[in-house]
Amino acid sequence: MSLNSKTTLKIVGATLYWAEGRKPYRDKRGWMQYPVALTNSDPEVIKTFTKFLREIIGIKNKNLRGWLQVYPDLDKTKCEKFWSKLSGIPTKQFHKTYLAKHGKHKPKFNYGTFAVIYNRKEVSQKIFNIIEEIKSETLNGAR
């Protein structure tokens, strides 16, 4: 592949959001919300997406938020520390951890499920512009 690492990160990060990210929606008041949020249990997905947000989109770490869901058989504090270290988001910037009432974690969910969150319409639009570029290049055969 002849892509440089910045181009690769741009494509991979936007594609992750396209496939797995939370899209704009209308809230109960009827107002549009533009979350930039991606939830996953795979540490490499979270690490790649946070790197994309910082290096390609230009989001400062102090503006990122985290959210964690853990199962009853997991150590909440251990999971919070794991995702904080991996994502680079301090635990003080986490929303309250959601404790699932039932069930056991599956082997691939050893640290629960983590979301990286940032809420700004202009950032959401910037990512969708990148997605449109990707669609145009791949679906229309542009070079």
C-alpha atoms as a PDB file:
ATOM      1  CA  MET A   1       0.000   0.000   0.000  1.00  0.00           C
ATOM      2  CA  SER A   2       1.427   3.372  -0.939  1.00  0.00           C
ATOM      3  CA  LEU A   3      -0.485   5.526   1.528  1.00  0.00           C
ATOM      4  CA  ASN A   4       1.433   7.515   4.126  1.00  0.00           C
ATOM      5  CA  SER A   5       0.592   6.988   7.774  1.00  0.00           C
ATOM      6  CA  LYS A   6      -1.407  10.236   8.098  1.00  0.00           C
ATOM      7  CA  THR A   7      -3.569   9.362   5.090  1.00  0.00           C
ATOM      8  CA  THR A   8      -4.039   5.836   6.404  1.00  0.00           C
ATOM      9  CA  LEU A   9      -5.068   7.142   9.835  1.00  0.00           C
ATOM     10  CA  LYS A  10      -7.502   9.575   8.198  1.00  0.00           C
ATOM     11  CA  ILE A  11      -9.146   6.801   6.164  1.00  0.00           C
ATOM     12  CA  VAL A  12      -9.211   4.238   8.975  1.00  0.00           C
ATOM     13  CA  GLY A  13     -10.473   6.703  11.604  1.00  0.00           C
ATOM     14  CA  ALA A  14     -13.267   8.055   9.406  1.00  0.00           C
ATOM     15  CA  THR A  15     -14.245   4.550   8.299  1.00  0.00           C
ATOM     16  CA  LEU A  16     -14.420   3.375  11.914  1.00  0.00           C
ATOM     17  CA  TYR A  17     -16.776   6.253  12.664  1.00  0.00           C
ATOM     18  CA  TRP A  18     -18.794   5.595   9.504  1.00  0.00           C
ATOM     19  CA  ALA A  19     -19.275   1.951  10.515  1.00  0.00           C
ATOM     20  CA  GLU A  20     -19.405   2.113  14.320  1.00  0.00           C
ATOM     21  CA  GLY A  21     -19.894   5.737  15.368  1.00  0.00           C
ATOM     22  CA  ARG A  22     -22.954   7.405  16.794  1.00  0.00           C
ATOM     23  CA  LYS A  23     -24.600   9.537  14.134  1.00  0.00           C
ATOM     24  CA  PRO A  24     -26.500  12.846  14.465  1.00  0.00           C
ATOM     25  CA  TYR A  25     -30.001  12.474  15.871  1.00  0.00           C
ATOM     26  CA  ARG A  26     -32.972  14.517  17.045  1.00  0.00           C
ATOM     27  CA  ASP A  27     -33.368  14.592  20.835  1.00  0.00           C
ATOM     28  CA  LYS A  28     -36.637  14.533  22.817  1.00  0.00           C
ATOM     29  CA  ARG A  29     -36.969  18.308  22.439  1.00  0.00           C
ATOM     30  CA  GLY A  30     -36.633  17.995  18.676  1.00  0.00           C
ATOM     31  CA  TRP A  31     -33.168  19.568  18.620  1.00  0.00           C
ATOM     32  CA  MET A  32     -30.434  18.061  16.500  1.00  0.00           C
ATOM     33  CA  GLN A  33     -27.489  16.574  18.379  1.00  0.00           C
ATOM     34  CA  TYR A  34     -24.128  15.955  16.713  1.00  0.00           C
ATOM     35  CA  PRO A  35     -22.181  13.487  18.827  1.00  0.00           C
ATOM     36  CA  VAL A  36     -18.820  12.230  17.756  1.00  0.00           C
ATOM     37  CA  ALA A  37     -18.810   8.997  19.717  1.00  0.00           C
ATOM     38  CA  LEU A  38     -17.522   5.526  19.080  1.00  0.00           C
ATOM     39  CA  THR A  39     -18.155   2.596  21.421  1.00  0.00           C
ATOM     40  CA  ASN A  40     -16.211  -0.647  21.272  1.00  0.00           C
ATOM     41  CA  SER A  41     -14.612  -3.338  23.401  1.00  0.00           C
ATOM     42  CA  ASP A  42     -11.534  -3.713  21.179  1.00  0.00           C
ATOM     43  CA  PRO A  43      -8.647  -1.683  22.631  1.00  0.00           C
ATOM     44  CA  GLU A  44      -7.026  -1.214  19.211  1.00  0.00           C
ATOM     45  CA  VAL A  45     -10.216   0.287  17.774  1.00  0.00           C
ATOM     46  CA  ILE A  46     -10.434   2.777  20.656  1.00  0.00           C
ATOM     47  CA  LYS A  47      -6.727   3.618  20.453  1.00  0.00           C
ATOM     48  CA  THR A  48      -6.921   4.177  16.686  1.00  0.00           C
ATOM     49  CA  PHE A  49     -10.041   6.331  16.926  1.00  0.00           C
ATOM     50  CA  THR A  50      -8.640   8.554  19.701  1.00  0.00           C
ATOM     51  CA  LYS A  51      -5.439   8.984  17.674  1.00  0.00           C
ATOM     52  CA  PHE A  52      -7.566   9.950  14.643  1.00  0.00           C
ATOM     53  CA  LEU A  53      -9.483  12.534  16.701  1.00  0.00           C
ATOM     54  CA  ARG A  54      -6.286  14.081  18.065  1.00  0.00           C
ATOM     55  CA  GLU A  55      -3.992  13.959  15.031  1.00  0.00           C
ATOM     56  CA  ILE A  56      -6.360  14.294  12.075  1.00  0.00           C
ATOM     57  CA  ILE A  57      -9.347  16.169  13.508  1.00  0.00           C
ATOM     58  CA  GLY A  58      -7.272  18.243  15.953  1.00  0.00           C
ATOM     59  CA  ILE A  59      -9.250  17.660  19.147  1.00  0.00           C
ATOM     60  CA  LYS A  60      -7.390  18.494  22.328  1.00  0.00           C
ATOM     61  CA  ASN A  61      -7.297  15.763  24.949  1.00  0.00           C
ATOM     62  CA  LYS A  62      -8.956  18.008  27.554  1.00  0.00           C
ATOM     63  CA  ASN A  63     -12.111  18.034  25.389  1.00  0.00           C
ATOM     64  CA  LEU A  64     -12.464  14.270  25.021  1.00  0.00           C
ATOM     65  CA  ARG A  65     -14.766  12.305  27.295  1.00  0.00           C
ATOM     66  CA  GLY A  66     -14.970   8.610  28.077  1.00  0.00           C
ATOM     67  CA  TRP A  67     -17.814   6.354  29.075  1.00  0.00           C
ATOM     68  CA  LEU A  68     -17.506   2.793  30.295  1.00  0.00           C
ATOM     69  CA  GLN A  69     -19.878  -0.129  30.729  1.00  0.00           C
ATOM     70  CA  VAL A  70     -18.702  -2.969  32.942  1.00  0.00           C
ATOM     71  CA  TYR A  71     -20.237  -6.297  33.888  1.00  0.00           C
ATOM     72  CA  PRO A  72     -20.783  -7.434  37.503  1.00  0.00           C
ATOM     73  CA  ASP A  73     -17.826  -9.832  37.387  1.00  0.00           C
ATOM     74  CA  LEU A  74     -15.329  -7.126  36.350  1.00  0.00           C
ATOM     75  CA  ASP A  75     -13.326  -4.792  38.592  1.00  0.00           C
ATOM     76  CA  LYS A  76     -14.692  -1.306  37.812  1.00  0.00           C
ATOM     77  CA  THR A  77     -11.576   0.573  38.976  1.00  0.00           C
ATOM     78  CA  LYS A  78      -9.227  -1.730  37.059  1.00  0.00           C
ATOM     79  CA  CYS A  79     -11.318  -1.252  33.898  1.00  0.00           C
ATOM     80  CA  GLU A  80     -11.387   2.549  34.300  1.00  0.00           C
ATOM     81  CA  LYS A  81      -7.604   2.647  34.725  1.00  0.00           C
ATOM     82  CA  PHE A  82      -7.114   0.372  31.701  1.00  0.00           C
ATOM     83  CA  TRP A  83      -9.216   2.542  29.354  1.00  0.00           C
ATOM     84  CA  SER A  84      -7.780   5.773  30.728  1.00  0.00           C
ATOM     85  CA  LYS A  85      -4.216   4.626  30.087  1.00  0.00           C
ATOM     86  CA  LEU A  86      -5.065   3.226  26.654  1.00  0.00           C
ATOM     87  CA  SER A  87      -7.111   6.209  25.435  1.00  0.00           C
ATOM     88  CA  GLY A  88      -5.087   8.904  27.161  1.00  0.00           C
ATOM     89  CA  ILE A  89      -8.320  10.316  28.609  1.00  0.00           C
ATOM     90  CA  PRO A  90      -8.045  10.954  32.368  1.00  0.00           C
ATOM     91  CA  THR A  91     -10.693   9.189  34.464  1.00  0.00           C
ATOM     92  CA  LYS A  92     -11.877  12.594  35.735  1.00  0.00           C
ATOM     93  CA  GLN A  93     -13.105  13.179  32.160  1.00  0.00           C
ATOM     94  CA  PHE A  94     -15.176   9.974  32.187  1.00  0.00           C
ATOM     95  CA  HIS A  95     -18.924  10.063  32.526  1.00  0.00           C
ATOM     96  CA  LYS A  96     -20.264   7.867  35.318  1.00  0.00           C
ATOM     97  CA  THR A  97     -19.443   4.210  34.650  1.00  0.00           C
ATOM     98  CA  TYR A  98     -22.474   2.096  33.838  1.00  0.00           C
ATOM     99  CA  LEU A  99     -22.627  -1.116  35.844  1.00  0.00           C
ATOM    100  CA  ALA A 100     -24.593  -3.796  34.009  1.00  0.00           C
ATOM    101  CA  LYS A 101     -26.997  -5.485  36.386  1.00  0.00           C
ATOM    102  CA  HIS A 102     -26.804  -8.965  34.888  1.00  0.00           C
ATOM    103  CA  GLY A 103     -24.517 -11.196  32.937  1.00  0.00           C
ATOM    104  CA  LYS A 104     -20.879 -12.047  32.750  1.00  0.00           C
ATOM    105  CA  HIS A 105     -18.382 -10.518  30.433  1.00  0.00           C
ATOM    106  CA  LYS A 106     -17.444 -12.431  27.327  1.00  0.00           C
ATOM    107  CA  PRO A 107     -13.765 -13.256  26.901  1.00  0.00           C
ATOM    108  CA  LYS A 108     -13.249 -10.433  24.403  1.00  0.00           C
ATOM    109  CA  PHE A 109     -14.796  -7.915  26.844  1.00  0.00           C
ATOM    110  CA  ASN A 110     -12.193  -8.270  29.603  1.00  0.00           C
ATOM    111  CA  TYR A 111     -12.323  -4.547  30.329  1.00  0.00           C
ATOM    112  CA  GLY A 112     -15.945  -3.805  29.462  1.00  0.00           C
ATOM    113  CA  THR A 113     -17.098  -1.601  26.620  1.00  0.00           C
ATOM    114  CA  PHE A 114     -15.667   1.895  26.220  1.00  0.00           C
ATOM    115  CA  ALA A 115     -16.891   4.979  24.366  1.00  0.00           C
ATOM    116  CA  VAL A 116     -14.831   7.948  23.224  1.00  0.00           C
ATOM    117  CA  ILE A 117     -17.063  11.038  23.118  1.00  0.00           C
ATOM    118  CA  TYR A 118     -16.842  14.574  21.751  1.00  0.00           C
ATOM    119  CA  ASN A 119     -19.836  16.791  20.978  1.00  0.00           C
ATOM    120  CA  ARG A 120     -19.438  19.515  18.369  1.00  0.00           C
ATOM    121  CA  LYS A 121     -21.428  19.963  15.167  1.00  0.00           C
ATOM    122  CA  GLU A 122     -18.430  21.274  13.224  1.00  0.00           C
ATOM    123  CA  VAL A 123     -16.337  18.234  14.145  1.00  0.00           C
ATOM    124  CA  SER A 124     -19.142  15.859  13.213  1.00  0.00           C
ATOM    125  CA  GLN A 125     -19.419  17.642   9.855  1.00  0.00           C
ATOM    126  CA  LYS A 126     -15.648  17.495   9.320  1.00  0.00           C
ATOM    127  CA  ILE A 127     -15.693  13.716   9.779  1.00  0.00           C
ATOM    128  CA  PHE A 128     -18.692  13.339   7.464  1.00  0.00           C
ATOM    129  CA  ASN A 129     -16.821  15.378   4.831  1.00  0.00           C
ATOM    130  CA  ILE A 130     -13.935  12.898   5.051  1.00  0.00           C
ATOM    131  CA  ILE A 131     -16.425  10.025   4.741  1.00  0.00           C
ATOM    132  CA  GLU A 132     -17.883  11.651   1.616  1.00  0.00           C
ATOM    133  CA  GLU A 133     -14.351  11.876   0.164  1.00  0.00           C
ATOM    134  CA  ILE A 134     -13.815   8.185   0.879  1.00  0.00           C
ATOM    135  CA  LYS A 135     -17.154   7.275  -0.701  1.00  0.00           C
ATOM    136  CA  SER A 136     -16.389   9.354  -3.765  1.00  0.00           C
ATOM    137  CA  GLU A 137     -12.931   7.833  -4.188  1.00  0.00           C
ATOM    138  CA  THR A 138     -14.040   4.255  -3.682  1.00  0.00           C
ATOM    139  CA  LEU A 139     -17.579   4.111  -5.040  1.00  0.00           C
ATOM    140  CA  ASN A 140     -17.133   6.394  -8.039  1.00  0.00           C
ATOM    141  CA  GLY A 141     -13.719   5.100  -9.018  1.00  0.00           C
ATOM    142  CA  ALA A 142     -12.056   8.536  -8.723  1.00  0.00           C
ATOM    143  CA  ARG A 143      -8.274   8.621  -8.600  1.00  0.00           C
END
